[in-house]
N, C-alpha and C. Protein backbone atom coordinates (compact mmCIF):
# COMPACT_ATOMS: atom_id res chain seq x y z
N MET A 1 -26.81 -20.64 25.52
CA MET A 1 -26.60 -20.80 24.26
C MET A 1 -27.52 -20.15 23.25
N GLN A 2 -28.73 -19.92 23.72
CA GLN A 2 -29.70 -19.03 22.90
C GLN A 2 -29.23 -17.63 23.19
N SER A 3 -28.84 -17.14 24.16
CA SER A 3 -28.49 -15.78 24.31
C SER A 3 -27.17 -15.53 23.56
N ALA A 4 -26.32 -16.47 23.28
CA ALA A 4 -25.27 -16.31 22.39
C ALA A 4 -25.56 -16.14 21.10
N ALA A 5 -26.65 -16.89 20.62
CA ALA A 5 -27.08 -16.91 19.18
C ALA A 5 -27.84 -15.63 19.11
N LEU A 6 -28.55 -15.16 20.09
CA LEU A 6 -29.51 -13.92 19.98
C LEU A 6 -28.32 -12.53 19.89
N SER A 7 -27.33 -12.61 20.56
CA SER A 7 -26.22 -11.63 20.46
C SER A 7 -25.53 -11.65 19.30
N THR A 8 -25.34 -12.69 18.68
CA THR A 8 -24.74 -13.04 17.33
C THR A 8 -25.71 -12.42 16.25
N MET A 9 -27.05 -12.81 16.30
CA MET A 9 -27.93 -12.16 15.50
C MET A 9 -28.07 -10.61 15.61
N SER A 10 -28.12 -10.01 16.76
CA SER A 10 -28.24 -8.55 16.78
C SER A 10 -26.84 -7.97 16.27
N ARG A 11 -25.76 -8.49 16.66
CA ARG A 11 -24.57 -7.99 16.01
C ARG A 11 -24.73 -8.10 14.41
N ILE A 12 -24.97 -8.92 13.94
CA ILE A 12 -25.05 -9.20 12.42
C ILE A 12 -26.15 -8.16 11.80
N ALA A 13 -27.20 -8.13 12.58
CA ALA A 13 -28.32 -7.33 12.24
C ALA A 13 -27.98 -5.70 11.96
N ARG A 14 -27.06 -5.24 12.96
CA ARG A 14 -26.64 -4.01 13.04
C ARG A 14 -25.67 -3.73 11.89
N ARG A 15 -25.00 -4.66 11.30
CA ARG A 15 -23.97 -4.54 10.18
C ARG A 15 -24.53 -4.73 8.81
N SER A 16 -25.94 -5.27 8.82
CA SER A 16 -26.52 -5.80 7.62
C SER A 16 -27.23 -4.82 6.80
N THR A 17 -27.71 -5.20 5.63
CA THR A 17 -28.61 -4.45 5.00
C THR A 17 -30.05 -4.46 5.50
N PRO A 18 -30.84 -3.59 5.39
CA PRO A 18 -32.34 -3.47 5.81
C PRO A 18 -32.99 -4.68 5.64
N MET A 19 -33.14 -5.02 4.41
CA MET A 19 -33.59 -6.36 3.99
C MET A 19 -33.20 -7.59 4.78
N LEU A 20 -31.92 -7.74 4.75
CA LEU A 20 -31.35 -8.80 5.62
C LEU A 20 -31.52 -8.77 7.19
N ARG A 21 -31.50 -7.37 7.56
CA ARG A 21 -31.73 -7.00 9.05
C ARG A 21 -33.29 -7.43 9.39
N GLN A 22 -34.12 -7.23 8.38
CA GLN A 22 -35.51 -7.58 8.90
C GLN A 22 -35.68 -8.95 8.96
N ALA A 23 -34.92 -9.86 8.09
CA ALA A 23 -35.21 -11.21 8.16
C ALA A 23 -34.50 -11.84 9.45
N ILE A 24 -33.51 -11.19 9.77
CA ILE A 24 -32.72 -11.52 11.03
C ILE A 24 -33.64 -11.18 12.11
N MET A 25 -34.30 -10.21 12.35
CA MET A 25 -35.15 -9.88 13.50
C MET A 25 -36.23 -10.36 13.36
N THR A 26 -36.86 -10.83 12.40
CA THR A 26 -38.10 -11.56 12.32
C THR A 26 -37.87 -13.12 12.76
N SER A 27 -36.77 -13.45 12.57
CA SER A 27 -36.62 -14.89 12.87
C SER A 27 -35.84 -15.05 14.20
N ARG A 28 -36.03 -14.31 14.99
CA ARG A 28 -35.53 -14.23 16.35
C ARG A 28 -35.85 -15.32 17.28
N PRO A 29 -37.00 -15.81 17.46
CA PRO A 29 -37.30 -16.92 18.40
C PRO A 29 -36.28 -18.17 18.10
N PRO A 30 -36.09 -18.95 19.07
CA PRO A 30 -34.99 -19.79 19.10
C PRO A 30 -34.41 -20.21 17.72
N MET A 31 -33.27 -19.69 17.56
CA MET A 31 -32.50 -19.91 16.41
C MET A 31 -31.16 -20.83 16.64
N SER A 32 -31.13 -21.79 15.74
CA SER A 32 -29.82 -22.71 15.84
C SER A 32 -28.70 -22.11 15.58
N ASN A 33 -27.54 -22.73 15.90
CA ASN A 33 -26.39 -22.14 15.58
C ASN A 33 -26.21 -22.29 14.00
N SER A 34 -26.80 -23.23 13.24
CA SER A 34 -26.56 -23.37 11.98
C SER A 34 -27.50 -22.20 11.15
N ALA A 35 -28.52 -21.79 11.66
CA ALA A 35 -29.12 -20.61 11.04
C ALA A 35 -28.36 -19.42 11.29
N ALA A 36 -27.95 -19.38 12.45
CA ALA A 36 -26.81 -18.13 12.70
C ALA A 36 -25.72 -18.05 11.68
N ILE A 37 -25.21 -19.28 11.44
CA ILE A 37 -24.01 -19.38 10.62
C ILE A 37 -24.55 -19.24 9.11
N LEU A 38 -25.93 -19.56 8.78
CA LEU A 38 -26.24 -19.49 7.51
C LEU A 38 -26.50 -17.80 7.11
N LEU A 39 -26.94 -17.08 8.16
CA LEU A 39 -26.99 -15.64 8.02
C LEU A 39 -25.85 -14.99 7.98
N ARG A 40 -24.84 -15.48 8.67
CA ARG A 40 -23.48 -14.84 8.73
C ARG A 40 -22.77 -14.91 7.35
N THR A 41 -23.10 -16.07 6.67
CA THR A 41 -22.50 -16.66 5.60
C THR A 41 -23.08 -15.70 4.27
N ARG A 42 -24.53 -15.58 4.68
CA ARG A 42 -25.03 -14.85 3.43
C ARG A 42 -24.66 -13.28 3.66
N TYR A 43 -24.42 -12.83 4.88
CA TYR A 43 -24.12 -11.46 5.04
C TYR A 43 -22.55 -11.36 4.39
N ASN A 44 -21.81 -12.31 4.67
CA ASN A 44 -20.38 -12.26 4.17
C ASN A 44 -20.56 -12.26 2.59
N GLN A 45 -21.44 -12.94 1.99
CA GLN A 45 -21.39 -13.20 0.50
C GLN A 45 -21.90 -11.70 0.02
N GLN A 46 -22.81 -11.07 0.64
CA GLN A 46 -23.40 -9.78 0.23
C GLN A 46 -22.31 -8.86 0.08
N MET A 47 -21.44 -8.81 1.34
CA MET A 47 -20.36 -7.83 1.44
C MET A 47 -19.33 -8.15 0.26
N GLN A 48 -18.95 -9.33 -0.14
CA GLN A 48 -18.08 -9.63 -1.01
C GLN A 48 -18.55 -9.19 -2.44
N ARG A 49 -19.96 -9.28 -2.60
CA ARG A 49 -20.40 -8.81 -3.94
C ARG A 49 -20.43 -7.40 -4.12
N ALA A 50 -20.65 -6.67 -2.69
CA ALA A 50 -20.51 -5.14 -2.81
C ALA A 50 -19.30 -4.62 -3.37
N PHE A 51 -18.20 -5.32 -3.02
CA PHE A 51 -16.83 -4.73 -3.45
C PHE A 51 -16.42 -5.11 -4.74
N VAL A 52 -17.20 -5.98 -5.37
CA VAL A 52 -16.72 -6.45 -6.79
C VAL A 52 -17.85 -5.88 -7.68
N SER A 53 -18.96 -5.38 -7.35
CA SER A 53 -20.21 -4.94 -8.07
C SER A 53 -19.73 -3.63 -8.79
N PRO A 54 -20.60 -3.23 -9.62
CA PRO A 54 -20.35 -2.02 -10.46
C PRO A 54 -20.31 -0.76 -9.56
N SER A 55 -20.60 -0.84 -8.31
CA SER A 55 -20.28 0.27 -7.27
C SER A 55 -18.98 0.64 -7.11
N PHE A 56 -17.95 -0.32 -7.50
CA PHE A 56 -16.60 -0.03 -7.65
C PHE A 56 -16.30 1.37 -8.12
N VAL A 57 -17.00 1.73 -9.24
CA VAL A 57 -16.81 2.90 -9.94
C VAL A 57 -17.02 4.15 -8.98
N ALA A 58 -17.91 4.15 -8.26
CA ALA A 58 -18.09 5.08 -7.13
C ALA A 58 -16.87 5.31 -6.08
N MET A 59 -15.96 4.21 -6.24
CA MET A 59 -14.84 4.30 -5.31
C MET A 59 -13.69 4.98 -5.78
N MET A 60 -13.77 5.18 -7.26
CA MET A 60 -12.72 5.85 -7.90
C MET A 60 -12.57 7.27 -7.35
N PRO A 61 -11.23 7.87 -7.45
CA PRO A 61 -11.18 9.09 -6.89
C PRO A 61 -11.96 10.22 -7.81
N SER A 62 -12.28 11.28 -7.17
CA SER A 62 -13.11 12.28 -7.67
C SER A 62 -12.13 13.28 -8.24
N ALA A 63 -12.73 14.11 -9.07
CA ALA A 63 -11.92 15.28 -9.93
C ALA A 63 -11.14 16.04 -8.82
N ALA A 64 -11.58 16.36 -7.63
CA ALA A 64 -10.92 17.02 -6.55
C ALA A 64 -9.80 16.45 -6.15
N ASP A 65 -9.89 15.01 -5.72
CA ASP A 65 -8.89 14.18 -5.34
C ASP A 65 -7.97 14.22 -6.26
N ILE A 66 -8.27 13.98 -7.61
CA ILE A 66 -7.26 13.91 -8.70
C ILE A 66 -6.38 15.13 -8.76
N ASP A 67 -7.01 16.27 -8.75
CA ASP A 67 -6.45 17.63 -8.82
C ASP A 67 -5.44 17.79 -7.64
N LYS A 68 -5.76 17.42 -6.39
CA LYS A 68 -4.85 17.38 -5.28
C LYS A 68 -3.72 16.62 -5.60
N SER A 69 -3.92 15.34 -5.95
CA SER A 69 -2.90 14.48 -6.21
C SER A 69 -1.70 15.10 -7.30
N VAL A 70 -2.35 15.56 -8.38
CA VAL A 70 -1.54 16.31 -9.45
C VAL A 70 -0.79 17.19 -8.94
N GLN A 71 -1.39 18.34 -7.94
CA GLN A 71 -0.63 19.30 -7.51
C GLN A 71 0.56 18.67 -6.53
N ASN A 72 0.21 17.45 -5.90
CA ASN A 72 1.04 16.93 -5.03
C ASN A 72 2.37 16.53 -5.74
N ILE A 73 1.97 15.74 -7.01
CA ILE A 73 3.20 15.42 -7.84
C ILE A 73 3.72 16.53 -8.51
N THR A 74 3.05 17.60 -8.88
CA THR A 74 3.90 18.69 -9.54
C THR A 74 5.05 19.26 -8.35
N ASP A 75 4.58 19.25 -6.99
CA ASP A 75 5.34 19.79 -6.03
C ASP A 75 6.65 18.75 -6.00
N LEU A 76 6.25 17.48 -5.88
CA LEU A 76 7.51 16.49 -5.78
C LEU A 76 8.31 16.68 -7.15
N PHE A 77 7.75 16.83 -8.23
CA PHE A 77 8.71 17.02 -9.46
C PHE A 77 9.32 18.42 -9.34
N MET A 78 9.00 19.45 -8.81
CA MET A 78 9.77 20.55 -8.59
C MET A 78 10.92 20.16 -7.57
N VAL A 79 10.62 19.50 -6.48
CA VAL A 79 11.63 19.10 -5.43
C VAL A 79 12.62 18.32 -6.16
N ALA A 80 12.16 17.32 -6.96
CA ALA A 80 13.28 16.32 -7.58
C ALA A 80 13.99 17.01 -8.54
N ARG A 81 13.45 17.96 -9.34
CA ARG A 81 14.18 18.77 -10.45
C ARG A 81 15.44 19.62 -9.62
N ASP A 82 15.09 20.26 -8.53
CA ASP A 82 15.86 21.05 -7.80
C ASP A 82 17.18 20.26 -7.14
N GLU A 83 16.77 18.88 -6.91
CA GLU A 83 17.61 18.15 -6.33
C GLU A 83 18.64 17.60 -7.34
N LEU A 84 18.04 17.39 -8.51
CA LEU A 84 18.90 16.89 -9.81
C LEU A 84 19.92 18.31 -10.10
N GLU A 85 19.24 19.48 -10.11
CA GLU A 85 20.35 20.66 -10.18
C GLU A 85 21.36 20.75 -9.28
N TYR A 86 21.08 20.37 -7.88
CA TYR A 86 22.01 20.54 -6.91
C TYR A 86 23.23 19.49 -7.18
N ALA A 87 22.63 18.29 -7.61
CA ALA A 87 23.61 17.24 -7.87
C ALA A 87 24.57 17.56 -8.77
N GLU A 88 23.96 18.32 -9.93
CA GLU A 88 25.00 18.74 -11.19
C GLU A 88 25.93 19.81 -10.52
N GLU A 89 25.16 20.61 -9.79
CA GLU A 89 26.19 21.70 -9.28
C GLU A 89 27.42 21.13 -8.55
N ALA A 90 27.08 20.12 -7.81
CA ALA A 90 28.04 19.63 -6.67
C ALA A 90 29.04 18.73 -7.62
N ARG A 91 28.94 18.46 -8.74
CA ARG A 91 29.74 17.57 -9.69
C ARG A 91 31.41 17.87 -9.42
N GLY A 92 32.19 16.84 -8.77
CA GLY A 92 33.41 17.04 -8.68
C GLY A 92 33.82 17.48 -7.16
N SER A 93 32.75 17.76 -6.46
CA SER A 93 32.98 18.15 -4.91
C SER A 93 32.57 16.91 -4.23
N VAL A 94 32.95 17.14 -2.78
CA VAL A 94 32.80 16.05 -1.86
C VAL A 94 31.21 15.56 -1.58
N TYR A 95 30.50 16.74 -1.97
CA TYR A 95 29.03 16.78 -1.72
C TYR A 95 28.27 15.85 -2.97
N TYR A 96 28.88 15.56 -3.80
CA TYR A 96 28.31 15.22 -5.17
C TYR A 96 27.52 13.61 -4.87
N ASN A 97 28.18 12.84 -4.28
CA ASN A 97 27.54 11.49 -3.95
C ASN A 97 26.23 11.65 -3.19
N ASP A 98 26.27 12.58 -2.11
CA ASP A 98 25.11 12.59 -1.31
C ASP A 98 23.89 13.29 -2.05
N ASP A 99 24.41 14.31 -2.64
CA ASP A 99 23.41 15.14 -3.65
C ASP A 99 22.63 14.16 -4.67
N LYS A 100 23.60 13.40 -5.16
CA LYS A 100 23.04 12.37 -6.44
C LYS A 100 22.03 11.35 -5.57
N GLU A 101 22.20 10.93 -4.51
CA GLU A 101 21.51 10.15 -3.73
C GLU A 101 20.15 10.72 -3.43
N THR A 102 20.47 11.98 -2.88
CA THR A 102 19.11 12.64 -2.64
C THR A 102 18.30 12.88 -3.82
N ALA A 103 18.84 13.17 -4.83
CA ALA A 103 18.08 13.40 -6.24
C ALA A 103 17.40 12.22 -6.60
N ARG A 104 18.25 10.95 -6.49
CA ARG A 104 17.59 9.92 -6.83
C ARG A 104 16.39 9.39 -6.03
N SER A 105 16.55 9.70 -4.76
CA SER A 105 15.29 9.27 -3.89
C SER A 105 14.13 10.23 -4.13
N ALA A 106 14.39 11.60 -4.45
CA ALA A 106 13.43 12.29 -4.69
C ALA A 106 12.54 12.13 -6.08
N VAL A 107 13.52 11.73 -6.93
CA VAL A 107 12.93 11.44 -8.28
C VAL A 107 12.02 10.14 -8.18
N GLN A 108 12.54 9.17 -7.49
CA GLN A 108 12.01 7.88 -7.22
C GLN A 108 10.49 8.12 -6.68
N GLU A 109 10.62 9.06 -5.58
CA GLU A 109 9.23 9.33 -4.75
C GLU A 109 8.16 9.86 -5.73
N CYS A 110 8.64 10.78 -6.58
CA CYS A 110 7.83 11.46 -7.59
C CYS A 110 7.25 10.27 -8.47
N LEU A 111 8.01 9.35 -9.04
CA LEU A 111 7.64 8.58 -9.97
C LEU A 111 6.55 7.52 -9.36
N ASP A 112 6.85 7.22 -8.01
CA ASP A 112 6.08 6.09 -7.41
C ASP A 112 4.68 6.79 -7.17
N THR A 113 4.67 7.97 -6.68
CA THR A 113 3.38 8.66 -6.48
C THR A 113 2.49 8.75 -7.75
N TYR A 114 3.27 9.04 -8.86
CA TYR A 114 2.62 9.22 -10.24
C TYR A 114 1.97 7.83 -10.55
N ASP A 115 2.82 6.78 -10.25
CA ASP A 115 2.34 5.39 -10.68
C ASP A 115 1.18 4.88 -9.71
N VAL A 116 1.15 5.27 -8.61
CA VAL A 116 0.07 5.02 -7.52
C VAL A 116 -1.24 5.65 -7.99
N LEU A 117 -1.02 6.88 -8.51
CA LEU A 117 -2.28 7.76 -8.79
C LEU A 117 -2.91 7.09 -10.11
N LEU A 118 -1.83 6.60 -11.13
CA LEU A 118 -2.39 6.13 -12.26
C LEU A 118 -3.16 4.73 -11.96
N LYS A 119 -2.80 4.07 -10.85
CA LYS A 119 -3.32 2.83 -10.74
C LYS A 119 -4.65 2.78 -10.14
N ASP A 120 -5.04 3.95 -9.59
CA ASP A 120 -6.25 4.05 -8.85
C ASP A 120 -7.33 4.82 -9.88
N CYS A 121 -6.99 5.10 -11.12
CA CYS A 121 -7.92 5.78 -11.76
C CYS A 121 -8.60 5.02 -12.96
N SER A 122 -9.46 5.53 -13.53
CA SER A 122 -10.02 4.99 -14.84
C SER A 122 -9.35 5.39 -15.78
N GLN A 123 -9.50 4.75 -17.14
CA GLN A 123 -8.83 4.96 -18.42
C GLN A 123 -8.86 6.54 -18.72
N ASP A 124 -10.07 7.06 -18.71
CA ASP A 124 -10.31 8.48 -19.03
C ASP A 124 -9.52 9.35 -18.07
N GLN A 125 -9.39 9.08 -16.86
CA GLN A 125 -8.60 10.01 -15.83
C GLN A 125 -7.33 9.80 -16.11
N LYS A 126 -6.69 8.54 -16.48
CA LYS A 126 -5.35 8.26 -16.76
C LYS A 126 -4.95 9.14 -17.94
N LEU A 127 -5.76 9.19 -18.90
CA LEU A 127 -5.39 9.91 -20.12
C LEU A 127 -5.22 11.38 -19.73
N ASP A 128 -6.32 11.91 -18.96
CA ASP A 128 -6.27 13.33 -18.43
C ASP A 128 -5.00 13.53 -17.60
N ILE A 129 -4.63 12.60 -16.91
CA ILE A 129 -3.44 13.00 -15.92
C ILE A 129 -2.26 12.91 -16.57
N GLN A 130 -2.25 12.14 -17.59
CA GLN A 130 -0.89 12.00 -18.56
C GLN A 130 -0.80 13.13 -19.38
N ARG A 131 -2.02 13.77 -19.99
CA ARG A 131 -1.96 14.96 -20.78
C ARG A 131 -1.37 16.12 -19.73
N LYS A 132 -1.74 16.16 -18.44
CA LYS A 132 -1.33 17.19 -17.64
C LYS A 132 0.10 17.41 -17.01
N ILE A 133 0.46 15.90 -16.73
CA ILE A 133 1.89 15.84 -16.27
C ILE A 133 2.86 14.90 -16.79
N GLY A 134 2.28 14.21 -17.74
CA GLY A 134 2.85 13.11 -18.23
C GLY A 134 4.30 13.27 -18.76
N LEU A 135 4.58 14.65 -19.52
CA LEU A 135 5.87 15.20 -20.06
C LEU A 135 6.63 15.44 -19.01
N LYS A 136 6.16 16.11 -17.77
CA LYS A 136 7.15 16.17 -16.63
C LYS A 136 7.71 15.04 -16.17
N ILE A 137 6.80 13.98 -16.16
CA ILE A 137 7.25 12.74 -15.63
C ILE A 137 8.56 12.05 -16.46
N MET A 138 8.20 12.26 -17.82
CA MET A 138 9.07 11.73 -18.79
C MET A 138 10.46 12.42 -18.82
N GLU A 139 10.32 13.66 -18.52
CA GLU A 139 11.42 14.79 -18.37
C GLU A 139 12.32 14.20 -17.06
N LEU A 140 11.69 14.04 -16.19
CA LEU A 140 12.42 13.58 -14.89
C LEU A 140 13.02 12.32 -15.06
N LYS A 141 12.30 11.24 -15.64
CA LYS A 141 12.97 9.95 -16.04
C LYS A 141 14.22 10.17 -16.84
N SER A 142 14.13 11.04 -17.78
CA SER A 142 15.41 11.04 -18.69
C SER A 142 16.35 11.83 -17.86
N GLN A 143 16.16 12.87 -17.09
CA GLN A 143 17.26 13.47 -16.26
C GLN A 143 17.74 12.58 -15.36
N LEU A 144 17.05 11.55 -14.78
CA LEU A 144 17.65 10.52 -13.98
C LEU A 144 18.60 9.45 -14.60
N ASP A 145 18.03 9.16 -15.80
CA ASP A 145 18.76 8.32 -16.77
C ASP A 145 20.21 8.96 -17.06
N ALA A 146 20.09 10.31 -17.42
CA ALA A 146 21.47 11.11 -17.75
C ALA A 146 22.23 10.95 -16.58
N LEU A 147 21.78 11.02 -15.49
CA LEU A 147 22.65 11.28 -14.15
C LEU A 147 23.17 9.85 -13.82
N ASN A 148 22.32 8.64 -14.25
CA ASN A 148 22.93 7.35 -14.10
C ASN A 148 23.96 6.90 -15.15
N ALA A 149 23.80 7.57 -16.26
CA ALA A 149 24.65 7.33 -17.39
C ALA A 149 26.02 7.98 -17.22
N GLU A 150 25.84 9.09 -16.54
CA GLU A 150 27.27 9.90 -16.18
C GLU A 150 27.95 9.11 -15.21
N GLU A 151 27.34 8.59 -14.35
CA GLU A 151 27.93 7.85 -13.23
C GLU A 151 28.81 6.62 -13.84
N LEU A 152 28.20 5.91 -15.04
CA LEU A 152 28.98 4.84 -15.48
C LEU A 152 30.18 5.29 -16.22
N GLU A 153 30.17 6.45 -16.75
CA GLU A 153 31.27 6.81 -17.55
C GLU A 153 32.45 7.00 -16.80
């Protein structure tokens, strides 16, 4: 029983903060299960606070990550625009429906990637991203709406 509690304590001690680790290691002689549970509960509370604390700001994407994502979205935009052009060129042919679906999926992939990027960023980063590629995204949406409107006619 004591060896199980000791192994639990050492496992918790390896994953905990230095202050908590010291408290765990100094209270090593016979430890009851309730003490081990208490330490485990405190450790879990510490970990939950770490994810909610202001250190969350450090988890936001860096400028380099944002630039890579913007470049990725720009590439997806170019592919989606090409697919829309192919669909326009194929109007009236047997390939039109397939090209139209391919264009829709390419546009949707670009829009989804853009939305995910905006969700992960701070307000200042969002404004910067919208300034860089917001007009392209609006253009893509309007081209998709035009394609859908033509289908209804």
